[in-house]
Amino acid sequence: MPQEDSQSPKNDLIVRMSLLRMLESGILNSIECPQCHRHSVSVWFTHPQVNEYRTWFICTECSFEMRVQNSEKPLHYTEDRVDARLETYDVDVLRKKRFS
């Protein structure tokens, strides 16, 4: 039986769903990174506009990052977990999207 390529779309989806399950369970720090396999991923949020929320998974040890576009305010959202740099990025993305 052939082994799954770790970069395959199926594995990528499995990894991303695993990160989302960690978030849903309330685990926001020390999550295993799918790239470097260190427990160095943390969850951050942005609130770039009214009724707009984003969730970011950021690794402090490698270049891994994943952004999720939320349909509502995330369950574990708190102001102290808002990252100003990421929020600036999301505000800019929305601004460009609306005017393109």
C-alpha atoms as a PDB file:
ATOM      1  CA  MET A   1       0.000   0.000   0.000  1.00  0.00           C
ATOM      2  CA  PRO A   2       1.549   3.390  -0.977  1.00  0.00           C
ATOM      3  CA  GLN A   3       2.253   5.852   1.806  1.00  0.00           C
ATOM      4  CA  GLU A   4       0.399   9.150   1.861  1.00  0.00           C
ATOM      5  CA  ASP A   5       2.497  12.109   0.808  1.00  0.00           C
ATOM      6  CA  SER A   6       2.691  14.445   3.807  1.00  0.00           C
ATOM      7  CA  GLN A   7       1.991  17.353   1.418  1.00  0.00           C
ATOM      8  CA  SER A   8      -1.050  15.775  -0.195  1.00  0.00           C
ATOM      9  CA  PRO A   9      -4.324  17.732  -0.182  1.00  0.00           C
ATOM     10  CA  LYS A  10      -5.912  15.021   1.961  1.00  0.00           C
ATOM     11  CA  ASN A  11      -3.191  15.247   4.599  1.00  0.00           C
ATOM     12  CA  ASP A  12      -3.278  19.032   4.477  1.00  0.00           C
ATOM     13  CA  LEU A  13      -7.007  18.946   5.218  1.00  0.00           C
ATOM     14  CA  ILE A  14      -6.485  16.488   8.083  1.00  0.00           C
ATOM     15  CA  VAL A  15      -3.808  18.734   9.596  1.00  0.00           C
ATOM     16  CA  ARG A  16      -5.976  21.837   9.294  1.00  0.00           C
ATOM     17  CA  MET A  17      -8.991  20.100  10.813  1.00  0.00           C
ATOM     18  CA  SER A  18      -6.813  18.925  13.697  1.00  0.00           C
ATOM     19  CA  LEU A  19      -5.770  22.514  14.407  1.00  0.00           C
ATOM     20  CA  LEU A  20      -9.411  23.602  14.354  1.00  0.00           C
ATOM     21  CA  ARG A  21     -10.343  20.842  16.801  1.00  0.00           C
ATOM     22  CA  MET A  22      -7.617  22.039  19.180  1.00  0.00           C
ATOM     23  CA  LEU A  23      -9.087  25.538  18.982  1.00  0.00           C
ATOM     24  CA  GLU A  24     -12.625  24.262  19.598  1.00  0.00           C
ATOM     25  CA  SER A  25     -11.414  22.425  22.709  1.00  0.00           C
ATOM     26  CA  GLY A  26      -9.933  25.658  24.070  1.00  0.00           C
ATOM     27  CA  ILE A  27      -6.264  24.862  23.482  1.00  0.00           C
ATOM     28  CA  LEU A  28      -4.727  28.123  22.289  1.00  0.00           C
ATOM     29  CA  ASN A  29      -1.000  27.648  23.006  1.00  0.00           C
ATOM     30  CA  SER A  30       1.696  25.014  22.660  1.00  0.00           C
ATOM     31  CA  ILE A  31      -0.024  23.281  19.744  1.00  0.00           C
ATOM     32  CA  GLU A  32       2.147  20.964  17.662  1.00  0.00           C
ATOM     33  CA  CYS A  33       3.224  22.622  14.441  1.00  0.00           C
ATOM     34  CA  PRO A  34       2.465  20.585  11.324  1.00  0.00           C
ATOM     35  CA  GLN A  35       5.705  21.809   9.709  1.00  0.00           C
ATOM     36  CA  CYS A  36       8.414  21.720  12.377  1.00  0.00           C
ATOM     37  CA  HIS A  37       6.567  19.423  14.838  1.00  0.00           C
ATOM     38  CA  ARG A  38       7.455  21.583  17.826  1.00  0.00           C
ATOM     39  CA  HIS A  39       4.738  22.587  20.259  1.00  0.00           C
ATOM     40  CA  SER A  40       5.071  26.213  19.216  1.00  0.00           C
ATOM     41  CA  VAL A  41       1.795  27.173  17.526  1.00  0.00           C
ATOM     42  CA  SER A  42      -0.456  29.700  19.221  1.00  0.00           C
ATOM     43  CA  VAL A  43      -3.892  30.961  18.254  1.00  0.00           C
ATOM     44  CA  TRP A  44      -4.444  34.664  17.648  1.00  0.00           C
ATOM     45  CA  PHE A  45      -7.493  36.589  16.544  1.00  0.00           C
ATOM     46  CA  THR A  46      -8.306  39.678  14.561  1.00  0.00           C
ATOM     47  CA  HIS A  47     -11.459  41.750  14.369  1.00  0.00           C
ATOM     48  CA  PRO A  48     -10.816  43.874  11.279  1.00  0.00           C
ATOM     49  CA  GLN A  49     -14.369  45.203  10.913  1.00  0.00           C
ATOM     50  CA  VAL A  50     -17.747  45.006  12.586  1.00  0.00           C
ATOM     51  CA  ASN A  51     -18.992  41.394  12.338  1.00  0.00           C
ATOM     52  CA  GLU A  52     -15.679  40.274  10.769  1.00  0.00           C
ATOM     53  CA  TYR A  53     -13.372  37.917  12.667  1.00  0.00           C
ATOM     54  CA  ARG A  54     -10.291  35.943  11.694  1.00  0.00           C
ATOM     55  CA  THR A  55      -8.427  33.237  13.554  1.00  0.00           C
ATOM     56  CA  TRP A  56      -4.707  32.755  13.005  1.00  0.00           C
ATOM     57  CA  PHE A  57      -2.494  29.807  13.903  1.00  0.00           C
ATOM     58  CA  ILE A  58       1.126  31.021  14.104  1.00  0.00           C
ATOM     59  CA  CYS A  59       4.268  29.009  14.799  1.00  0.00           C
ATOM     60  CA  THR A  60       7.064  30.836  16.600  1.00  0.00           C
ATOM     61  CA  GLU A  61       9.710  28.325  15.474  1.00  0.00           C
ATOM     62  CA  CYS A  62       9.138  28.165  11.692  1.00  0.00           C
ATOM     63  CA  SER A  63       7.201  29.890   8.930  1.00  0.00           C
ATOM     64  CA  PHE A  64       3.930  28.028   9.444  1.00  0.00           C
ATOM     65  CA  GLU A  65       0.805  30.138   9.616  1.00  0.00           C
ATOM     66  CA  MET A  66      -2.819  29.456   8.858  1.00  0.00           C
ATOM     67  CA  ARG A  67      -5.684  31.934   8.743  1.00  0.00           C
ATOM     68  CA  VAL A  68      -9.347  31.062   9.151  1.00  0.00           C
ATOM     69  CA  GLN A  69     -12.187  33.332   8.106  1.00  0.00           C
ATOM     70  CA  ASN A  70     -14.871  33.046  10.759  1.00  0.00           C
ATOM     71  CA  SER A  71     -18.595  33.299  10.106  1.00  0.00           C
ATOM     72  CA  GLU A  72     -19.180  34.620  13.627  1.00  0.00           C
ATOM     73  CA  LYS A  73     -17.259  35.682  16.715  1.00  0.00           C
ATOM     74  CA  PRO A  74     -14.958  32.791  17.698  1.00  0.00           C
ATOM     75  CA  LEU A  75     -15.883  30.983  20.895  1.00  0.00           C
ATOM     76  CA  HIS A  76     -12.517  31.659  22.570  1.00  0.00           C
ATOM     77  CA  TYR A  77     -12.082  35.192  21.242  1.00  0.00           C
ATOM     78  CA  THR A  78     -10.724  37.687  23.769  1.00  0.00           C
ATOM     79  CA  GLU A  79      -9.251  41.141  23.226  1.00  0.00           C
ATOM     80  CA  ASP A  80      -5.944  40.089  24.806  1.00  0.00           C
ATOM     81  CA  ARG A  81      -5.506  37.494  22.029  1.00  0.00           C
ATOM     82  CA  VAL A  82      -5.889  40.080  19.241  1.00  0.00           C
ATOM     83  CA  ASP A  83      -2.600  40.513  17.387  1.00  0.00           C
ATOM     84  CA  ALA A  84      -2.227  44.097  16.148  1.00  0.00           C
ATOM     85  CA  ARG A  85       0.119  43.180  13.271  1.00  0.00           C
ATOM     86  CA  LEU A  86      -2.235  40.504  11.973  1.00  0.00           C
ATOM     87  CA  GLU A  87      -5.235  42.777  12.417  1.00  0.00           C
ATOM     88  CA  THR A  88      -3.538  45.473  10.323  1.00  0.00           C
ATOM     89  CA  TYR A  89      -2.965  42.859   7.623  1.00  0.00           C
ATOM     90  CA  ASP A  90      -6.614  41.723   7.707  1.00  0.00           C
ATOM     91  CA  VAL A  91      -7.910  45.309   7.595  1.00  0.00           C
ATOM     92  CA  ASP A  92      -5.749  45.915   4.521  1.00  0.00           C
ATOM     93  CA  VAL A  93      -6.955  42.711   2.830  1.00  0.00           C
ATOM     94  CA  LEU A  94     -10.596  43.672   3.387  1.00  0.00           C
ATOM     95  CA  ARG A  95     -10.004  47.213   2.176  1.00  0.00           C
ATOM     96  CA  LYS A  96      -8.395  45.964  -1.052  1.00  0.00           C
ATOM     97  CA  LYS A  97     -11.144  43.390  -1.540  1.00  0.00           C
ATOM     98  CA  ARG A  98     -13.885  45.991  -1.287  1.00  0.00           C
ATOM     99  CA  PHE A  99     -12.244  48.384  -3.755  1.00  0.00           C
ATOM    100  CA  SER A 100     -11.030  45.946  -6.397  1.00  0.00           C
END
